[in-house]
Protein backbone atom coordinates (compact mmCIF):
# COMPACT_ATOMS: atom_id res chain seq x y z
CA UNK A 1 82.94 -50.27 157.67
CA UNK A 2 84.87 -49.97 154.43
CA UNK A 3 83.46 -46.66 153.26
CA UNK A 4 84.54 -43.46 155.03
CA UNK A 5 81.89 -41.33 156.67
CA UNK A 6 80.67 -38.65 154.28
CA UNK A 7 78.10 -35.88 154.21
CA UNK A 8 77.80 -36.30 150.42
CA UNK A 9 79.36 -32.91 149.73
CA UNK A 10 82.08 -34.68 147.73
CA UNK A 11 81.24 -33.61 144.18
CA UNK A 12 82.35 -36.93 142.67
CA UNK A 13 80.03 -38.97 144.86
CA UNK A 14 77.18 -36.45 144.90
CA UNK A 15 76.95 -36.47 141.11
CA UNK A 16 77.27 -40.24 140.73
CA UNK A 17 73.80 -40.54 139.25
CA UNK A 18 70.48 -41.93 140.40
CA UNK A 19 70.44 -44.89 142.75
CA UNK A 20 67.93 -47.71 142.75
CA UNK A 21 67.95 -47.76 146.55
CA UNK A 22 66.21 -45.23 148.81
CA UNK A 23 68.38 -42.32 149.91
CA UNK A 24 69.75 -43.38 153.29
CA UNK A 25 70.99 -39.85 154.10
CA UNK A 26 67.61 -38.31 153.34
CA UNK A 27 65.74 -40.96 155.31
CA UNK A 28 67.98 -40.48 158.34
CA UNK A 29 67.66 -36.68 158.10
CA UNK A 30 63.86 -36.80 157.87
CA UNK A 31 63.62 -39.19 160.83
CA UNK A 32 65.95 -37.01 162.88
CA UNK A 33 64.06 -33.80 162.08
CA UNK A 34 60.66 -35.34 162.80
CA UNK A 35 61.97 -36.77 166.09
CA UNK A 36 63.41 -33.38 167.04
CA UNK A 37 60.14 -31.61 166.29
CA UNK A 38 58.13 -34.09 168.36
CA UNK A 39 60.72 -33.89 171.16
CA UNK A 40 60.62 -30.09 171.24
CA UNK A 41 56.83 -30.18 171.41
CA UNK A 42 56.87 -32.83 174.17
CA UNK A 43 59.26 -30.66 176.21
CA UNK A 44 57.12 -27.56 175.60
CA UNK A 45 60.00 -25.78 173.87
CA UNK A 46 57.70 -25.04 170.93
CA UNK A 47 53.95 -25.36 170.62
CA UNK A 48 52.24 -27.85 168.36
CA UNK A 49 50.89 -24.91 166.35
CA UNK A 50 54.44 -23.62 165.85
CA UNK A 51 55.65 -27.08 164.81
CA UNK A 52 52.84 -27.44 162.27
CA UNK A 53 53.60 -23.97 160.94
CA UNK A 54 57.33 -24.76 160.56
CA UNK A 55 56.57 -27.90 158.57
CA UNK A 56 53.94 -26.18 156.44
CA UNK A 57 56.35 -23.32 155.64
CA UNK A 58 59.02 -25.87 154.68
CA UNK A 59 56.52 -27.46 152.27
CA UNK A 60 55.65 -24.07 150.77
CA UNK A 61 59.33 -23.24 150.29
CA UNK A 62 60.02 -26.65 148.77
CA UNK A 63 57.14 -26.15 146.34
CA UNK A 64 58.56 -22.76 145.31
CA UNK A 65 62.22 -23.69 144.95
CA UNK A 66 61.99 -27.36 143.95
CA UNK A 67 61.80 -26.64 140.22
CA UNK A 68 64.69 -24.16 140.50
CA UNK A 69 66.77 -26.88 142.16
CA UNK A 70 66.04 -29.24 139.30
CA UNK A 71 63.48 -31.44 141.04
CA UNK A 72 61.37 -33.51 138.71
CA UNK A 73 57.62 -33.30 139.36
CA UNK A 74 57.76 -36.81 140.88
CA UNK A 75 60.62 -35.89 143.22
CA UNK A 76 58.91 -32.67 144.24
CA UNK A 77 55.70 -34.55 144.99
CA UNK A 78 57.56 -37.14 147.09
CA UNK A 79 59.18 -34.36 149.14
CA UNK A 80 55.86 -32.61 149.65
CA UNK A 81 54.18 -35.89 150.63
CA UNK A 82 56.83 -36.51 153.30
CA UNK A 83 56.44 -33.00 154.72
CA UNK A 84 52.66 -33.29 154.72
CA UNK A 85 52.92 -36.61 156.56
CA UNK A 86 54.94 -34.92 159.30
CA UNK A 87 52.41 -32.10 159.48
CA UNK A 88 49.57 -34.63 159.67
CA UNK A 89 51.34 -36.48 162.50
CA UNK A 90 51.34 -33.26 164.53
CA UNK A 91 47.83 -31.96 163.77
CA UNK A 92 45.89 -34.31 166.11
CA UNK A 93 47.77 -32.74 169.03
CA UNK A 94 46.53 -29.26 168.07
CA UNK A 95 43.14 -30.08 169.67
CA UNK A 96 44.73 -30.98 172.99
CA UNK A 97 46.69 -27.72 172.93
CA UNK A 98 43.57 -25.55 172.49
CA UNK A 99 42.28 -23.87 175.68
CA UNK A 100 38.99 -25.37 176.86
């Protein structure tokens, strides 16, 4: 491991320009968050409905602030697609949570 561990807050590295490879930090963060959400639901810490709402609110906020943060339309759409995929992965469990 030649490169020191970084959270990419180093302004020199963070502004290095676009990379041709997928963003490893973003991929790891998304996987971690999705795993945490599913784990919290599985342990009944939050309901599936709450989890879906959290993800949907994150998508709404991203849609609002993305342009202000300098997101291109393509980048914004990729972010929204990822969030909607997480929401879609949770929605089938909403039926099993409904009282009979």
